[in-house]
Structure formats: structure tokens, C-alpha cells
Amino acid sequence: MINIIEIGGYFFIFLGILFLLLSSIGLLRMPDTISRMHAGTKASTLGTILVIIGAIFLAPHLWFKLILLALFVLLTNPLSASIVAKSSYNRDGFLNKSGVDDMKSTNNKEVK
């Protein structure tokens, strides 16, 4: 017989998989780099954390390692998104709907 803790664990894993699926769909459907980065980092981070929480419910003896894994994901996903954004901007720039690079004027100002 399945107890409440196992049901909670499977529920969190299901929610995590749902967010990971939505993240992958967002990567395919979003029109520009910034939107894709948003879908790829925020939803996938939440999905991964929910899967880890579900795993903690199902295997409580591994809680410390799973918490460390969750912290690692929380620290590295925003960092990797920042690096991808910087390299994408350096290569192509970010254009708004009118085709103007809003960040170009702020990046080229001389610092005195």
C-alpha cells in the first residue's frame, strides 16, 4: 500500500516533469533569445527543484546529497543563462521589435 509521503513524492516529481516539458516547449516556441533564455532557465530550474523535492520524499536517506544538488542547480542555472546572454549579445545584439538595439547606446558610453 502506498502511503501519503510516497504520493507526495510522486506528485512533486510529476509537477517537475511538467515544468521541464513546458520549458522544452518554450525553447522551441519563443521568438527571440531573451524569451528562450527565460523559458530555458526559470522553468527548468523550477522543474529540477521539484523533481529533487520529490526524490527527497521517496528517498529520505539521501536528503543531504539532494539538497546539495538543488543548491548547485540554483547557483549554476542563472550563471549559465547570464553567460549565454552575454555571448549572444556580443555576437548578434538584442534587437527590439523595431529592430533597434536598446543596449548598444548604454554599452558604448565612455566611463569618466
Protein backbone atom coordinates (compact mmCIF):
# COMPACT_ATOMS: atom_id res chain seq x y z
CA MET A 1 0.00 0.00 0.00
CA ILE A 2 1.29 3.43 -0.94
CA ASN A 3 1.48 5.93 1.90
CA ILE A 4 0.95 9.70 1.82
CA ILE A 5 4.67 10.51 1.66
CA GLU A 6 5.11 8.41 -1.49
CA ILE A 7 2.09 10.05 -3.09
CA GLY A 8 3.57 13.47 -2.26
CA GLY A 9 6.91 12.43 -3.75
CA TYR A 10 5.31 11.24 -6.98
CA PHE A 11 3.20 14.40 -7.11
CA PHE A 12 6.29 16.64 -6.87
CA ILE A 13 8.10 14.56 -9.48
CA PHE A 14 5.07 14.83 -11.79
CA LEU A 15 4.97 18.62 -11.34
CA GLY A 16 8.72 18.81 -12.00
CA ILE A 17 8.40 16.79 -15.19
CA LEU A 18 5.52 19.03 -16.27
CA PHE A 19 7.66 22.16 -15.79
CA LEU A 20 10.58 20.56 -17.63
CA LEU A 21 8.27 19.69 -20.51
CA LEU A 22 6.90 23.24 -20.60
CA SER A 23 10.46 24.55 -20.55
CA SER A 24 11.43 22.47 -23.57
CA ILE A 25 8.30 23.58 -25.44
CA GLY A 26 9.13 27.18 -24.55
CA LEU A 27 12.61 26.80 -26.00
CA LEU A 28 11.09 25.74 -29.30
CA ARG A 29 8.23 28.24 -29.41
CA MET A 30 9.71 31.51 -28.15
CA PRO A 31 10.68 34.01 -30.85
CA ASP A 32 13.89 35.61 -29.55
CA THR A 33 16.96 34.89 -27.46
CA ILE A 34 15.81 36.60 -24.27
CA SER A 35 12.47 34.76 -24.23
CA ARG A 36 14.19 31.45 -24.90
CA MET A 37 16.63 32.04 -22.07
CA HIS A 38 13.74 32.86 -19.75
CA ALA A 39 11.91 29.66 -20.68
CA GLY A 40 15.07 27.61 -20.57
CA THR A 41 16.30 28.71 -17.17
CA LYS A 42 13.37 29.62 -14.96
CA ALA A 43 11.04 26.74 -15.80
CA SER A 44 13.80 24.15 -15.98
CA THR A 45 15.24 25.28 -12.65
CA LEU A 46 11.83 25.02 -11.01
CA GLY A 47 11.21 21.64 -12.65
CA THR A 48 14.54 20.27 -11.48
CA ILE A 49 13.99 21.53 -7.93
CA LEU A 50 10.51 19.93 -7.85
CA VAL A 51 11.95 16.60 -9.04
CA ILE A 52 14.61 16.82 -6.32
CA ILE A 53 11.95 17.55 -3.69
CA GLY A 54 10.02 14.50 -4.89
CA ALA A 55 13.17 12.42 -4.66
CA ILE A 56 13.68 13.61 -1.08
CA PHE A 57 10.19 12.35 -0.24
CA LEU A 58 10.87 8.98 -1.86
CA ALA A 59 14.45 8.50 -0.58
CA PRO A 60 14.78 10.47 2.66
CA HIS A 61 18.15 8.87 3.47
CA LEU A 62 19.66 10.86 0.57
CA TRP A 63 18.31 14.24 1.71
CA PHE A 64 21.71 15.87 2.24
CA LYS A 65 23.06 14.98 -1.20
CA LEU A 66 19.81 16.03 -2.85
CA ILE A 67 19.82 19.39 -1.05
CA LEU A 68 23.40 19.95 -2.25
CA LEU A 69 22.29 19.07 -5.77
CA ALA A 70 19.40 21.55 -5.53
CA LEU A 71 21.76 24.30 -4.34
CA PHE A 72 24.13 23.54 -7.20
CA VAL A 73 21.27 23.84 -9.70
CA LEU A 74 20.09 27.10 -8.11
CA LEU A 75 23.60 28.57 -8.36
CA THR A 76 24.59 27.37 -11.82
CA ASN A 77 21.44 27.84 -13.93
CA PRO A 78 21.29 31.65 -13.61
CA LEU A 79 25.05 31.86 -14.14
CA SER A 80 24.91 29.81 -17.31
CA ALA A 81 21.98 31.90 -18.60
CA SER A 82 23.99 35.05 -17.96
CA ILE A 83 26.97 33.71 -19.89
CA VAL A 84 24.77 32.61 -22.79
CA ALA A 85 23.12 36.05 -22.86
CA LYS A 86 26.47 37.83 -22.88
CA SER A 87 27.87 35.71 -25.69
CA SER A 88 24.67 36.02 -27.69
CA TYR A 89 24.67 39.78 -27.29
CA ASN A 90 28.33 40.05 -28.29
CA ARG A 91 27.65 38.01 -31.40
CA ASP A 92 24.29 39.39 -32.64
CA GLY A 93 22.99 42.02 -30.22
CA PHE A 94 19.47 42.14 -28.86
CA LEU A 95 17.05 43.90 -31.16
CA ASN A 96 13.64 45.08 -30.01
CA LYS A 97 10.53 44.86 -32.19
CA SER A 98 11.54 47.93 -34.21
CA GLY A 99 14.98 46.50 -34.98
CA VAL A 100 16.89 48.86 -32.66
CA ASP A 101 19.49 47.63 -30.19
CA ASP A 102 18.47 49.30 -26.91
CA MET A 103 21.60 48.18 -25.08
CA LYS A 104 24.06 49.47 -27.65
CA SER A 105 23.84 53.08 -26.50
CA THR A 106 24.41 52.13 -22.85
CA ASN A 107 27.36 49.83 -23.61
CA ASN A 108 29.28 52.31 -25.74
CA LYS A 109 29.21 55.27 -23.34
CA GLU A 110 32.60 56.31 -22.08
CA VAL A 111 33.12 55.96 -18.36
CA LYS A 112 34.73 59.02 -16.82
